[in-house]
Amino acid sequence: MNDESHTPSPRGEVAERSEVDGGNLQTLATIAIPLLLLTACDLPGCEPEPDDPEPTAAEQPDEPPHHNHSDPSPILDLTTPGDHPETTLSTRSVDQFTACYELFEPDGEPTDWPDGADDIDRTLFGCNAEGFEHLDDGGLTVAYEVPAPDADNDITDLRVVLFDDEGALQWHRRMDRTWKRDRFAARYRGSFLAPVGDHLVCTGTRWHQQTQLMCVRRDSGSVAWDGRVNMEPKTGFFGYDSSLFGADEDGISRRYPYSGAEMRHRSFAPSGGATSYLANDGRRIFYGPGEDHPAVQGWDLEVLDKIWSADLPDAPDRTFDEVAAGLGLVLLLVDETLLALDTDTGELRVGMHVGDATPITTYSDDTLFVFLRVDDQPLIYAIDPDEGIVQWVGEAPAATRALHHADGELLTRSVRTVRTVVP
């Protein structure tokens, strides 16, 4: 493993030398400029760094819009299901799934996509994959846990695989995490999968104050970089504009995926702390400074600057970072209220009173689904975020622990059992 790579110093520095006259300097410059252009990235195995232009003043609004949501209204009361249109949720297509590694490695090694598992999203939701992404060329990449060799049952490695559009396995790579075996559970913070452009698939694990990262070339399956970064982005790294982005309480970090080196850093203001809130939708980062600052900000990665801010009744729950990207909503849990803010403008689209329960959300093209336990009754709400109304509420399967919407179906999961629910 490599230690964190830091941004290198410039390749060459010009020292002042009085004995070199102006003519010689001009001659040297004439020779040196094309030579630098030739050697900057013409060497075998060199990967060109993506351009990182500075944002222009025209791209940055002088004063980003600021909203006051400290007393949001109107609020939908989701703790009173009888006040909303009720429906009976029927259950169909009940399936049980094993862990992903048992599904994909029946003989101990990864193989082609399993026969009979035609519903890809349902299968990956059921086996509880660490992450999966459908690629533009029809392929599929998946990250999942696999037991570490010669280790206790709670010590796992991370596997990343790539299938083509017909389900044939193209390559697989394993990330060794046994170096953390002594304090695995105490240091573990979560894993992520981050395709970068159309050339890399990156995956990694967040540990306490550190991230283990591996980037693999999509075309060949060879490892482009495998190392550790002394940063723990709260939502993991993700790909945008041929780079890796992550954020912690100090600010936003843009990383070069072939070395892990930081290419650019943008500090938050005010700076955050242990209670700061962070979420992202792949093109925006949402930041709350923490319990001393009841507010949230939206940051755009194109210009790497703040584009809106909003006051809140209290600091958002830092452990709740759900985003309904397809609906353009960032979801903030503030005390007993779930606020759905527009990711582009920061405006309040809909507010929901959820009581002291922690909601679980998913979404379709036009509907936000919220799972909530009210007086031990498991409920699913279907909400129109544009109209700000509850379309229906129904009782969910008793052991529901997760929600997912895919291919027009609303799915629930309890451990490894997946059900389709229909109003």
Protein backbone atom coordinates (compact mmCIF):
# COMPACT_ATOMS: atom_id res chain seq x y z
CA MET A 1 0.00 0.00 0.00
CA ASN A 2 1.15 3.50 -0.76
CA ASP A 3 0.94 6.31 1.75
CA GLU A 4 -1.04 9.34 0.73
CA SER A 5 0.42 11.13 -2.25
CA HIS A 6 0.64 14.89 -1.96
CA THR A 7 0.44 17.34 -4.82
CA PRO A 8 3.93 17.38 -6.31
CA SER A 9 6.06 20.49 -6.55
CA PRO A 10 6.41 22.02 -10.02
CA ARG A 11 8.59 19.90 -12.26
CA GLY A 12 11.23 22.57 -12.63
CA GLU A 13 12.21 25.83 -10.98
CA VAL A 14 14.14 28.58 -12.79
CA ALA A 15 16.94 29.99 -10.61
CA GLU A 16 18.16 33.54 -11.11
CA ARG A 17 21.61 33.57 -12.70
CA SER A 18 23.22 36.96 -13.47
CA GLU A 19 25.78 35.45 -15.83
CA VAL A 20 23.09 34.41 -18.34
CA ASP A 21 22.33 37.32 -20.65
CA GLY A 22 18.92 38.12 -22.16
CA GLY A 23 19.71 36.51 -25.49
CA ASN A 24 20.65 33.23 -23.88
CA LEU A 25 17.51 33.33 -21.76
CA GLN A 26 15.40 33.79 -24.85
CA THR A 27 17.16 30.88 -26.55
CA LEU A 28 16.70 28.65 -23.51
CA ALA A 29 13.02 29.52 -23.33
CA THR A 30 12.56 28.72 -27.02
CA ILE A 31 14.05 25.27 -26.47
CA ALA A 32 12.50 24.54 -23.09
CA ILE A 33 8.86 25.27 -23.87
CA PRO A 34 8.36 22.64 -26.61
CA LEU A 35 10.51 20.20 -24.63
CA LEU A 36 8.19 20.53 -21.61
CA LEU A 37 5.17 20.10 -23.86
CA LEU A 38 6.70 16.94 -25.27
CA THR A 39 7.75 15.37 -21.99
CA ALA A 40 4.83 16.41 -19.79
CA CYS A 41 2.91 13.25 -20.58
CA ASP A 42 4.56 11.42 -23.47
CA LEU A 43 6.26 8.87 -21.26
CA PRO A 44 5.01 5.25 -21.25
CA GLY A 45 2.27 4.65 -18.67
CA CYS A 46 1.78 8.37 -17.97
CA GLU A 47 -1.82 9.38 -17.37
CA PRO A 48 -2.69 12.97 -18.34
CA GLU A 49 -4.17 15.02 -15.54
CA PRO A 50 -7.59 16.45 -16.43
CA ASP A 51 -7.82 20.19 -16.89
CA ASP A 52 -8.90 22.05 -13.78
CA PRO A 53 -9.77 25.56 -14.96
CA GLU A 54 -10.38 28.19 -12.36
CA PRO A 55 -14.00 29.33 -12.30
CA THR A 56 -14.57 32.71 -13.87
CA ALA A 57 -16.28 35.55 -12.09
CA ALA A 58 -19.26 35.21 -14.43
CA GLU A 59 -19.81 31.65 -13.25
CA GLN A 60 -20.01 32.66 -9.61
CA PRO A 61 -22.95 34.68 -8.33
CA ASP A 62 -21.87 37.60 -6.17
CA GLU A 63 -24.41 36.79 -3.47
CA PRO A 64 -25.88 33.28 -3.58
CA PRO A 65 -29.57 33.21 -2.64
CA HIS A 66 -30.29 32.76 1.05
CA HIS A 67 -33.52 31.30 2.42
CA ASN A 68 -35.09 31.35 5.84
CA HIS A 69 -36.56 27.91 6.65
CA SER A 70 -36.32 28.38 10.40
CA ASP A 71 -40.12 28.18 10.66
CA PRO A 72 -41.10 25.99 7.69
CA SER A 73 -44.74 25.79 6.66
CA PRO A 74 -46.98 24.19 5.66
CA ILE A 75 -45.95 20.86 7.16
CA LEU A 76 -47.47 17.47 6.30
CA ASP A 77 -48.14 15.53 9.51
CA LEU A 78 -47.04 11.96 8.80
CA THR A 79 -47.72 10.87 12.37
CA THR A 80 -51.48 10.96 11.75
CA PRO A 81 -52.11 8.44 8.94
CA GLY A 82 -55.88 8.76 9.31
CA ASP A 83 -55.70 12.32 7.99
CA HIS A 84 -54.46 11.12 4.60
CA PRO A 85 -55.84 8.88 1.82
CA GLU A 86 -55.31 5.31 3.04
CA THR A 87 -54.69 2.25 0.90
CA THR A 88 -54.01 -1.43 1.42
CA LEU A 89 -50.56 -2.52 0.27
CA SER A 90 -50.65 -5.99 -1.23
CA THR A 91 -47.46 -8.06 -1.30
CA ARG A 92 -46.19 -10.09 -4.22
CA SER A 93 -42.97 -11.56 -5.59
CA VAL A 94 -41.41 -12.52 -2.26
CA ASP A 95 -37.77 -13.57 -2.73
CA GLN A 96 -34.99 -14.49 -0.34
CA PHE A 97 -31.39 -13.69 -1.13
CA THR A 98 -28.06 -14.81 0.25
CA ALA A 99 -25.09 -12.48 0.75
CA CYS A 100 -23.69 -11.07 -2.49
CA TYR A 101 -20.44 -13.02 -2.32
CA GLU A 102 -22.38 -16.31 -2.07
CA LEU A 103 -24.44 -15.27 -5.08
CA PHE A 104 -21.54 -14.15 -7.26
CA GLU A 105 -18.90 -16.62 -6.04
CA PRO A 106 -20.62 -20.00 -5.68
CA ASP A 107 -17.31 -21.83 -6.10
CA GLY A 108 -15.13 -19.30 -4.31
CA GLU A 109 -14.28 -17.17 -7.35
CA PRO A 110 -16.35 -14.54 -9.20
CA THR A 111 -18.18 -15.78 -12.26
CA ASP A 112 -20.70 -14.49 -14.81
CA TRP A 113 -23.97 -12.94 -13.67
CA PRO A 114 -26.01 -15.74 -12.01
CA ASP A 115 -28.62 -17.52 -14.11
CA GLY A 116 -32.20 -16.70 -13.23
CA ALA A 117 -31.35 -13.39 -11.54
CA ASP A 118 -32.95 -11.37 -14.32
CA ASP A 119 -34.03 -8.46 -12.12
CA ILE A 120 -30.66 -6.86 -11.49
CA ASP A 121 -31.69 -4.07 -9.12
CA ARG A 122 -33.88 -6.42 -7.09
CA THR A 123 -31.02 -8.91 -6.77
CA LEU A 124 -28.47 -6.32 -5.66
CA PHE A 125 -30.95 -4.74 -3.24
CA GLY A 126 -31.65 -8.19 -1.82
CA CYS A 127 -28.02 -9.25 -1.31
CA ASN A 128 -27.23 -5.80 0.12
CA ALA A 129 -24.39 -4.78 -2.20
CA GLU A 130 -22.05 -2.06 -0.96
CA GLY A 131 -22.68 -0.20 -4.20
CA PHE A 132 -23.61 -0.76 -7.84
CA GLU A 133 -23.77 1.40 -10.97
CA HIS A 134 -25.31 0.83 -14.39
CA LEU A 135 -22.81 2.12 -16.97
CA ASP A 136 -23.47 4.00 -20.19
CA ASP A 137 -22.36 1.06 -22.36
CA GLY A 138 -24.88 -1.28 -20.72
CA GLY A 139 -22.36 -2.81 -18.34
CA LEU A 140 -22.71 -3.11 -14.59
CA THR A 141 -20.16 -2.65 -11.82
CA VAL A 142 -20.75 -3.94 -8.28
CA ALA A 143 -18.86 -3.68 -4.99
CA TYR A 144 -19.59 -6.17 -2.23
CA GLU A 145 -18.07 -7.64 0.91
CA VAL A 146 -16.26 -10.99 0.82
CA PRO A 147 -14.86 -12.87 3.84
CA ALA A 148 -11.19 -12.23 4.34
CA PRO A 149 -9.00 -15.35 4.22
CA ASP A 150 -7.74 -16.69 7.55
CA ALA A 151 -9.67 -14.03 9.49
CA ASP A 152 -12.58 -13.88 11.88
CA ASN A 153 -16.09 -13.81 10.41
CA ASP A 154 -16.51 -10.09 11.01
CA ILE A 155 -13.36 -9.22 8.99
CA THR A 156 -14.11 -8.75 5.30
CA ASP A 157 -12.37 -7.61 2.15
CA LEU A 158 -14.04 -5.57 -0.57
CA ARG A 159 -14.55 -6.98 -4.09
CA VAL A 160 -15.31 -4.93 -7.19
CA VAL A 161 -16.49 -6.63 -10.40
CA LEU A 162 -17.50 -5.54 -13.88
CA PHE A 163 -20.09 -7.32 -16.06
CA ASP A 164 -20.72 -6.47 -19.70
CA ASP A 165 -24.19 -5.80 -21.13
CA GLU A 166 -24.81 -9.55 -21.46
CA GLY A 167 -23.75 -10.41 -17.93
CA ALA A 168 -20.33 -11.84 -18.77
CA LEU A 169 -17.69 -11.15 -16.12
CA GLN A 170 -15.02 -8.83 -17.52
CA TRP A 171 -12.75 -8.57 -14.48
CA HIS A 172 -12.66 -8.55 -10.69
CA ARG A 173 -10.36 -7.02 -8.12
CA ARG A 174 -10.11 -7.55 -4.37
CA MET A 175 -9.20 -4.91 -1.80
CA ASP A 176 -7.33 -6.37 1.17
CA ARG A 177 -8.67 -4.92 4.44
CA THR A 178 -7.02 -7.33 6.88
CA TRP A 179 -4.48 -4.66 7.89
CA LYS A 180 -7.36 -3.27 10.02
CA ARG A 181 -8.21 -6.60 11.64
CA ASP A 182 -7.28 -5.49 15.16
CA ARG A 183 -9.89 -2.72 15.29
CA PHE A 184 -11.96 -3.42 12.18
CA ALA A 185 -15.44 -2.69 13.55
CA ALA A 186 -14.33 0.29 15.63
CA ARG A 187 -12.56 1.99 12.71
CA TYR A 188 -14.94 1.03 9.89
CA ARG A 189 -17.12 3.87 8.57
CA GLY A 190 -18.55 2.46 5.33
CA SER A 191 -17.68 1.61 1.74
CA PHE A 192 -18.43 3.21 -1.62
CA LEU A 193 -18.30 2.65 -5.38
CA ALA A 194 -17.34 5.56 -7.65
CA PRO A 195 -17.09 5.26 -11.45
CA VAL A 196 -14.96 8.11 -12.81
CA GLY A 197 -15.82 9.14 -16.36
CA ASP A 198 -15.77 6.24 -18.79
CA HIS A 199 -12.24 5.12 -17.94
CA LEU A 200 -12.09 4.15 -14.25
CA VAL A 201 -14.06 2.36 -11.56
CA CYS A 202 -12.95 3.35 -8.07
CA THR A 203 -14.00 1.71 -4.84
CA GLY A 204 -12.92 2.11 -1.26
CA THR A 205 -13.56 1.99 2.45
CA ARG A 206 -13.73 4.87 4.90
CA TRP A 207 -11.88 4.26 8.14
CA HIS A 208 -11.52 6.61 11.06
CA GLN A 209 -9.61 9.64 9.66
CA GLN A 210 -8.44 7.68 6.60
CA THR A 211 -9.72 6.21 3.35
CA GLN A 212 -8.49 3.11 1.56
CA LEU A 213 -8.94 3.58 -2.18
CA MET A 214 -8.49 1.47 -5.32
CA CYS A 215 -9.10 2.61 -8.91
CA VAL A 216 -9.33 0.07 -11.75
CA ARG A 217 -9.20 0.72 -15.49
CA ARG A 218 -12.53 -0.18 -17.07
CA ASP A 219 -11.10 -1.44 -20.34
CA SER A 220 -8.42 -3.78 -18.98
CA GLY A 221 -9.19 -4.40 -15.30
CA SER A 222 -5.66 -3.36 -14.34
CA VAL A 223 -5.22 -1.40 -11.14
CA ALA A 224 -4.49 2.27 -11.86
CA TRP A 225 -3.86 3.16 -8.22
CA ASP A 226 -4.18 1.42 -4.86
CA GLY A 227 -3.38 3.32 -1.69
CA ARG A 228 -4.55 5.28 1.31
CA VAL A 229 -5.65 8.88 1.64
CA ASN A 230 -5.47 10.74 4.93
CA MET A 231 -9.03 11.98 4.60
CA GLU A 232 -12.38 10.53 5.60
CA PRO A 233 -15.08 12.01 3.36
CA LYS A 234 -18.34 11.58 5.23
CA THR A 235 -20.26 10.31 2.20
CA GLY A 236 -17.34 8.56 0.50
CA PHE A 237 -15.58 9.65 -2.68
CA PHE A 238 -17.56 9.96 -5.89
CA GLY A 239 -16.67 10.63 -9.51
CA TYR A 240 -17.32 13.92 -11.30
CA ASP A 241 -15.60 15.50 -14.30
CA SER A 242 -12.82 12.86 -14.50
CA SER A 243 -11.86 13.41 -10.86
CA LEU A 244 -12.72 12.05 -7.43
CA PHE A 245 -14.51 14.39 -5.06
CA GLY A 246 -15.03 14.07 -1.34
CA ALA A 247 -15.88 16.36 1.54
CA ASP A 248 -15.28 16.46 5.27
CA GLU A 249 -15.80 19.17 7.88
CA ASP A 250 -12.79 21.10 6.48
CA GLY A 251 -14.06 21.45 2.93
CA ILE A 252 -14.25 19.89 -0.53
CA SER A 253 -11.31 17.95 -1.94
CA ARG A 254 -10.76 17.18 -5.62
CA ARG A 255 -8.44 14.20 -6.07
CA TYR A 256 -6.49 12.81 -9.01
CA PRO A 257 -7.66 9.18 -9.28
CA TYR A 258 -4.30 7.90 -10.57
CA SER A 259 -2.40 8.90 -7.44
CA GLY A 260 -4.87 10.07 -4.80
CA ALA A 261 -3.11 13.45 -4.75
CA GLU A 262 -5.24 16.47 -3.96
CA MET A 263 -5.63 18.67 -7.03
CA ARG A 264 -7.73 21.36 -5.42
CA HIS A 265 -9.29 22.16 -2.04
CA ARG A 266 -12.17 24.50 -1.22
CA SER A 267 -12.72 25.33 2.42
CA PHE A 268 -16.17 25.66 3.94
CA ALA A 269 -17.21 28.84 5.72
CA PRO A 270 -17.98 28.69 8.53
CA SER A 271 -15.82 25.64 9.19
CA GLY A 272 -17.49 22.60 10.68
CA GLY A 273 -16.72 20.09 13.37
CA ALA A 274 -17.70 16.64 14.55
CA THR A 275 -21.41 17.46 14.27
CA SER A 276 -21.26 18.85 10.73
CA TYR A 277 -23.67 17.52 8.10
CA LEU A 278 -22.65 16.36 4.60
CA ALA A 279 -24.45 14.76 1.65
CA ASN A 280 -24.10 14.77 -2.14
CA ASP A 281 -26.06 13.94 -5.28
CA GLY A 282 -23.07 13.46 -7.61
CA ARG A 283 -22.94 17.09 -8.77
CA ARG A 284 -23.75 19.03 -5.62
CA ILE A 285 -22.42 18.83 -2.08
CA PHE A 286 -24.68 19.82 0.81
CA TYR A 287 -23.03 21.06 3.97
CA GLY A 288 -24.22 22.04 7.43
CA PRO A 289 -21.60 23.51 9.82
CA GLY A 290 -22.93 21.69 12.88
CA GLU A 291 -24.94 22.11 16.04
CA ASP A 292 -23.80 25.72 16.59
CA HIS A 293 -25.05 26.76 13.14
CA PRO A 294 -28.64 25.74 12.26
CA ALA A 295 -28.14 26.08 8.51
CA VAL A 296 -27.29 24.21 5.30
CA GLN A 297 -25.45 25.20 2.12
CA GLY A 298 -25.51 23.92 -1.45
CA TRP A 299 -22.15 23.75 -3.29
CA ASP A 300 -21.84 23.26 -7.04
CA LEU A 301 -18.91 21.16 -8.25
CA GLU A 302 -18.74 22.82 -11.66
CA VAL A 303 -17.62 26.12 -10.14
CA LEU A 304 -16.60 24.67 -6.76
CA ASP A 305 -18.48 27.38 -4.92
CA LYS A 306 -21.54 27.93 -2.77
CA ILE A 307 -24.71 28.50 -4.82
CA TRP A 308 -27.31 28.82 -2.02
CA SER A 309 -27.75 28.70 1.73
CA ALA A 310 -30.69 28.33 4.10
CA ASP A 311 -31.43 28.84 7.78
CA LEU A 312 -33.02 25.85 9.53
CA PRO A 313 -34.92 25.38 12.80
CA ASP A 314 -31.93 23.44 14.14
CA ALA A 315 -28.81 21.70 12.82
CA PRO A 316 -29.63 18.75 10.52
CA ASP A 317 -29.02 15.21 11.79
CA ARG A 318 -25.49 14.37 10.59
CA THR A 319 -26.31 10.62 10.45
CA PHE A 320 -29.16 11.13 7.95
CA ASP A 321 -27.74 11.93 4.49
CA GLU A 322 -30.44 10.75 2.08
CA VAL A 323 -30.84 12.54 -1.25
CA ALA A 324 -33.55 11.97 -3.87
CA ALA A 325 -31.33 12.94 -6.79
CA GLY A 326 -33.87 12.08 -9.49
CA LEU A 327 -36.38 14.43 -7.90
CA GLY A 328 -33.81 17.14 -7.27
CA LEU A 329 -34.27 16.94 -3.49
CA VAL A 330 -31.90 16.92 -0.55
CA LEU A 331 -33.63 15.50 2.53
CA LEU A 332 -32.76 16.98 5.92
CA LEU A 333 -33.87 15.50 9.22
CA VAL A 334 -34.18 18.39 11.66
CA ASP A 335 -35.50 17.37 15.07
CA GLU A 336 -38.88 15.74 14.24
CA THR A 337 -39.19 17.33 10.80
CA LEU A 338 -38.09 16.02 7.40
CA LEU A 339 -37.37 18.91 5.03
CA ALA A 340 -37.11 18.37 1.26
CA LEU A 341 -35.09 21.21 -0.29
CA ASP A 342 -34.50 21.82 -3.98
CA THR A 343 -30.91 20.84 -4.78
CA ASP A 344 -30.48 23.64 -7.34
CA THR A 345 -32.05 26.56 -5.49
CA GLY A 346 -32.31 25.61 -1.79
CA GLU A 347 -36.03 26.40 -1.79
CA LEU A 348 -38.32 24.32 0.43
CA ARG A 349 -40.37 21.91 -1.70
CA VAL A 350 -42.16 20.06 1.10
CA GLY A 351 -41.87 19.67 4.87
CA MET A 352 -43.00 16.59 6.84
CA HIS A 353 -43.52 16.00 10.55
CA VAL A 354 -42.17 12.50 11.28
CA GLY A 355 -42.09 12.43 15.09
CA ASP A 356 -39.18 10.82 16.91
CA ALA A 357 -38.74 8.03 14.32
CA THR A 358 -35.95 7.96 11.72
CA PRO A 359 -37.52 7.76 8.24
CA ILE A 360 -36.30 5.68 5.30
CA THR A 361 -36.81 7.06 1.80
CA THR A 362 -36.71 6.13 -1.86
CA TYR A 363 -38.24 7.70 -4.96
CA SER A 364 -39.65 7.18 -8.44
CA ASP A 365 -39.74 9.67 -11.32
CA ASP A 366 -42.36 11.82 -9.61
CA THR A 367 -42.98 10.44 -6.11
CA LEU A 368 -41.10 10.45 -2.82
CA PHE A 369 -41.72 7.35 -0.67
CA VAL A 370 -41.21 7.63 3.09
CA PHE A 371 -41.19 4.64 5.43
CA LEU A 372 -42.04 5.49 9.02
CA ARG A 373 -43.01 3.68 12.20
CA VAL A 374 -45.91 5.40 13.97
CA ASP A 375 -46.90 3.80 17.31
CA ASP A 376 -45.07 0.62 16.16
CA GLN A 377 -47.14 0.57 12.96
CA PRO A 378 -44.91 0.33 9.83
CA LEU A 379 -46.20 2.79 7.24
CA ILE A 380 -45.24 3.83 3.72
CA TYR A 381 -46.25 7.28 2.49
CA ALA A 382 -46.34 8.27 -1.19
CA ILE A 383 -45.76 12.02 -1.46
CA ASP A 384 -45.96 14.39 -4.42
CA PRO A 385 -43.11 16.84 -3.68
CA ASP A 386 -44.28 19.36 -6.29
CA GLU A 387 -47.84 19.59 -5.01
CA GLY A 388 -46.83 19.04 -1.38
CA ILE A 389 -49.53 16.42 -0.77
CA VAL A 390 -49.77 12.83 0.45
CA GLN A 391 -51.03 10.63 -2.40
CA TRP A 392 -51.59 7.63 -0.15
CA VAL A 393 -50.43 5.86 2.99
CA GLY A 394 -50.45 2.11 3.61
CA GLU A 395 -49.18 -0.43 6.10
CA ALA A 396 -45.83 -1.95 5.12
CA PRO A 397 -44.59 -5.50 5.82
CA ALA A 398 -43.82 -5.75 9.53
CA ALA A 399 -40.08 -6.45 9.31
CA THR A 400 -39.26 -3.75 6.74
CA ARG A 401 -35.72 -2.37 7.12
CA ALA A 402 -35.08 -0.77 3.72
CA LEU A 403 -36.91 0.66 0.69
CA HIS A 404 -35.95 0.73 -2.97
CA HIS A 405 -37.74 1.72 -6.17
CA ALA A 406 -36.67 0.21 -9.50
CA ASP A 407 -38.32 -0.57 -12.85
CA GLY A 408 -41.66 0.81 -11.68
CA GLU A 409 -41.78 -1.35 -8.55
CA LEU A 410 -41.64 -0.39 -4.89
CA LEU A 411 -39.51 -2.90 -2.97
CA THR A 412 -39.09 -3.53 0.74
CA ARG A 413 -36.36 -5.59 2.40
CA SER A 414 -36.16 -7.31 5.74
CA VAL A 415 -32.64 -8.71 6.20
CA ARG A 416 -32.49 -10.79 2.97
CA THR A 417 -36.20 -11.03 2.06
CA VAL A 418 -37.39 -8.69 -0.70
CA ARG A 419 -41.08 -8.00 -1.35
CA THR A 420 -42.85 -5.97 -3.99
CA VAL A 421 -45.64 -3.88 -2.47
CA VAL A 422 -48.53 -2.55 -4.56
CA PRO A 423 -51.14 -0.01 -3.43
